[in-house]
Protein backbone atom coordinates (compact mmCIF):
# COMPACT_ATOMS: atom_id res chain seq x y z
CA MET A 1 10.25 16.81 -9.37
CA MET A 2 9.15 13.89 -11.52
CA LYS A 3 5.59 13.59 -12.73
CA ASP A 4 3.55 10.52 -11.91
CA TYR A 5 3.14 8.91 -15.28
CA ALA A 6 0.55 6.23 -15.97
CA ARG A 7 1.21 4.02 -18.99
CA THR A 8 -1.27 4.28 -21.83
CA THR A 9 -0.23 1.19 -23.78
CA GLY A 10 0.44 -2.41 -22.83
CA ARG A 11 -1.29 -4.99 -20.67
CA HIS A 12 -1.21 -3.30 -17.28
CA ILE A 13 -3.18 -0.14 -17.99
CA LEU A 14 -5.27 1.56 -15.33
CA PRO A 15 -7.52 4.59 -15.65
CA ARG A 16 -5.62 7.70 -14.48
CA ASN A 17 -7.62 8.21 -11.27
CA LEU A 18 -7.40 4.54 -10.30
CA TYR A 19 -3.67 4.58 -11.03
CA MET A 20 -3.17 7.60 -8.77
CA GLN A 21 -5.38 6.11 -6.03
CA THR A 22 -3.24 2.96 -6.08
CA VAL A 23 0.04 4.89 -6.08
CA TYR A 24 -1.09 6.91 -3.05
CA GLN A 25 -2.15 3.72 -1.30
CA ILE A 26 1.37 2.38 -1.88
CA ARG A 27 2.91 5.66 -0.69
CA ASP A 28 0.91 5.31 2.52
CA TYR A 29 2.77 2.05 3.26
CA HIS A 30 4.99 3.33 6.10
CA ARG A 31 2.11 5.11 7.84
CA LEU A 32 -0.01 1.97 7.60
CA LYS A 33 2.75 -0.07 9.24
CA GLU A 34 3.01 2.48 12.05
CA GLU A 35 -0.76 2.54 12.50
CA ALA A 36 -0.96 -1.27 12.68
CA ASP A 37 1.69 -1.23 15.41
CA SER A 38 0.04 1.63 17.29
CA ILE A 39 -3.27 -0.23 17.42
CA LEU A 40 -1.49 -2.95 19.40
CA ASP A 41 0.16 -0.42 21.69
CA ALA A 42 -3.01 1.58 22.38
CA SER A 43 -3.99 1.36 26.00
CA PRO A 44 -7.58 0.71 27.02
CA ALA A 45 -9.65 3.49 28.54
CA PRO A 46 -9.22 3.83 32.29
CA ALA A 47 -11.79 2.08 34.43
CA ASP A 48 -14.52 4.46 35.50
CA GLY A 49 -16.22 2.20 38.01
CA GLN A 50 -19.29 1.76 35.85
CA PRO A 51 -20.62 -1.62 34.82
CA LYS A 52 -19.23 -2.93 31.59
CA GLY A 53 -21.48 -3.01 28.57
CA SER A 54 -21.15 -4.39 25.08
CA THR A 55 -19.54 -1.20 23.78
CA VAL A 56 -16.11 -2.17 25.12
CA SER A 57 -16.03 -5.42 23.20
CA SER A 58 -17.28 -3.73 20.05
CA ALA A 59 -14.50 -1.13 20.37
CA VAL A 60 -11.94 -3.92 20.64
CA GLU A 61 -13.57 -5.70 17.73
CA ARG A 62 -13.47 -2.52 15.61
CA LYS A 63 -9.76 -2.09 16.37
CA ALA A 64 -9.07 -5.71 15.48
CA MET A 65 -11.00 -5.41 12.23
CA ARG A 66 -9.23 -2.15 11.34
CA ARG A 67 -5.83 -3.68 12.06
CA ASP A 68 -6.73 -6.71 9.95
CA ARG A 69 -7.68 -4.46 6.98
CA ILE A 70 -4.43 -2.53 7.36
CA LEU A 71 -2.39 -5.74 7.51
CA GLN A 72 -4.15 -7.04 4.40
CA THR A 73 -3.21 -3.87 2.51
CA ILE A 74 0.39 -4.12 3.71
CA GLY A 75 0.46 -7.79 2.67
CA VAL A 76 -0.83 -6.96 -0.82
CA ILE A 77 1.85 -4.31 -1.29
CA ASP A 78 4.59 -6.59 0.07
CA HIS A 79 3.49 -9.46 -2.18
CA ALA A 80 3.38 -7.30 -5.31
CA LYS A 81 6.79 -5.83 -4.41
CA SER A 82 8.25 -9.32 -4.00
CA LEU A 83 7.22 -10.14 -7.59
CA ILE A 84 9.40 -7.36 -9.01
CA PRO A 85 12.72 -8.89 -10.12
CA ASP A 86 15.44 -8.26 -7.52
CA GLU A 87 17.58 -6.08 -9.76
CA TYR A 88 14.69 -3.63 -10.39
CA ARG A 89 12.87 -3.79 -7.04
CA GLU A 90 14.65 -0.94 -5.25
CA GLY A 91 14.53 1.40 -8.27
CA VAL A 92 10.80 0.81 -8.78
CA TRP A 93 10.08 1.15 -5.04
CA GLN A 94 12.03 4.42 -4.75
CA ASN A 95 10.31 5.80 -7.85
CA VAL A 96 6.82 4.99 -6.59
CA MET A 97 7.41 6.07 -2.99
CA TYR A 98 9.58 9.17 -3.46
CA ARG A 99 9.38 9.99 -7.18
CA THR A 100 13.12 9.48 -7.60
CA ALA A 101 14.60 8.87 -11.02
CA TYR A 102 15.26 5.31 -12.08
CA PRO A 103 18.85 4.07 -11.71
CA ASP A 104 21.00 4.05 -14.84
CA ASP A 105 21.69 0.29 -14.69
CA ALA A 106 18.82 -0.56 -17.05
CA ASN A 107 16.67 1.09 -19.66
CA ARG A 108 13.97 3.43 -18.38
CA ASN A 109 11.34 1.41 -20.27
CA THR A 110 12.30 -1.72 -18.32
CA TYR A 111 11.78 0.04 -15.00
CA SER A 112 8.57 1.60 -16.26
CA LEU A 113 7.22 -1.80 -17.27
CA HIS A 114 7.95 -3.29 -13.84
CA LYS A 115 6.43 -0.25 -12.14
CA SER A 116 3.21 -0.52 -14.13
CA ARG A 117 2.96 -4.25 -13.35
CA PHE A 118 3.56 -3.53 -9.66
CA VAL A 119 0.89 -0.81 -9.47
CA TYR A 120 -1.53 -2.94 -11.49
CA MET A 121 -1.07 -5.96 -9.19
CA VAL A 122 -1.64 -3.83 -6.10
CA ALA A 123 -4.83 -2.37 -7.60
CA ARG A 124 -6.05 -5.83 -8.61
CA ASP A 125 -5.30 -7.43 -5.26
CA LEU A 126 -6.88 -4.57 -3.31
CA PHE A 127 -10.02 -5.24 -5.39
CA LEU A 128 -9.95 -1.78 -6.94
CA LEU A 129 -10.39 -3.39 -10.38
CA GLU A 130 -13.48 -5.23 -11.49
């Protein structure tokens, strides 16, 4: 299994823990998409015959706010992924998501550079950097 390696030189350097936090946020991408969809599919609680209070609307509001936060995270990851040049996108994505080795069609340093930019942009756009 490959190690998660954070660059220590160059422009797009993150502290180790922030780098790992961002990588795991990216790896959570598919679950986040499923969760955003499941929030829409969730059925409301069955009517119990009691008068309605403000708690129902706040529950709906909480779900809407949660879904919005999830969609923002997904959007940040999608945007940063779209900025990776086409020829390196799949190799970088597979490496981040599944720790697979980079393809042999380019130098490892090239892929590593695009990966570090990708992770850095996600961290920046999720406001994990100051």
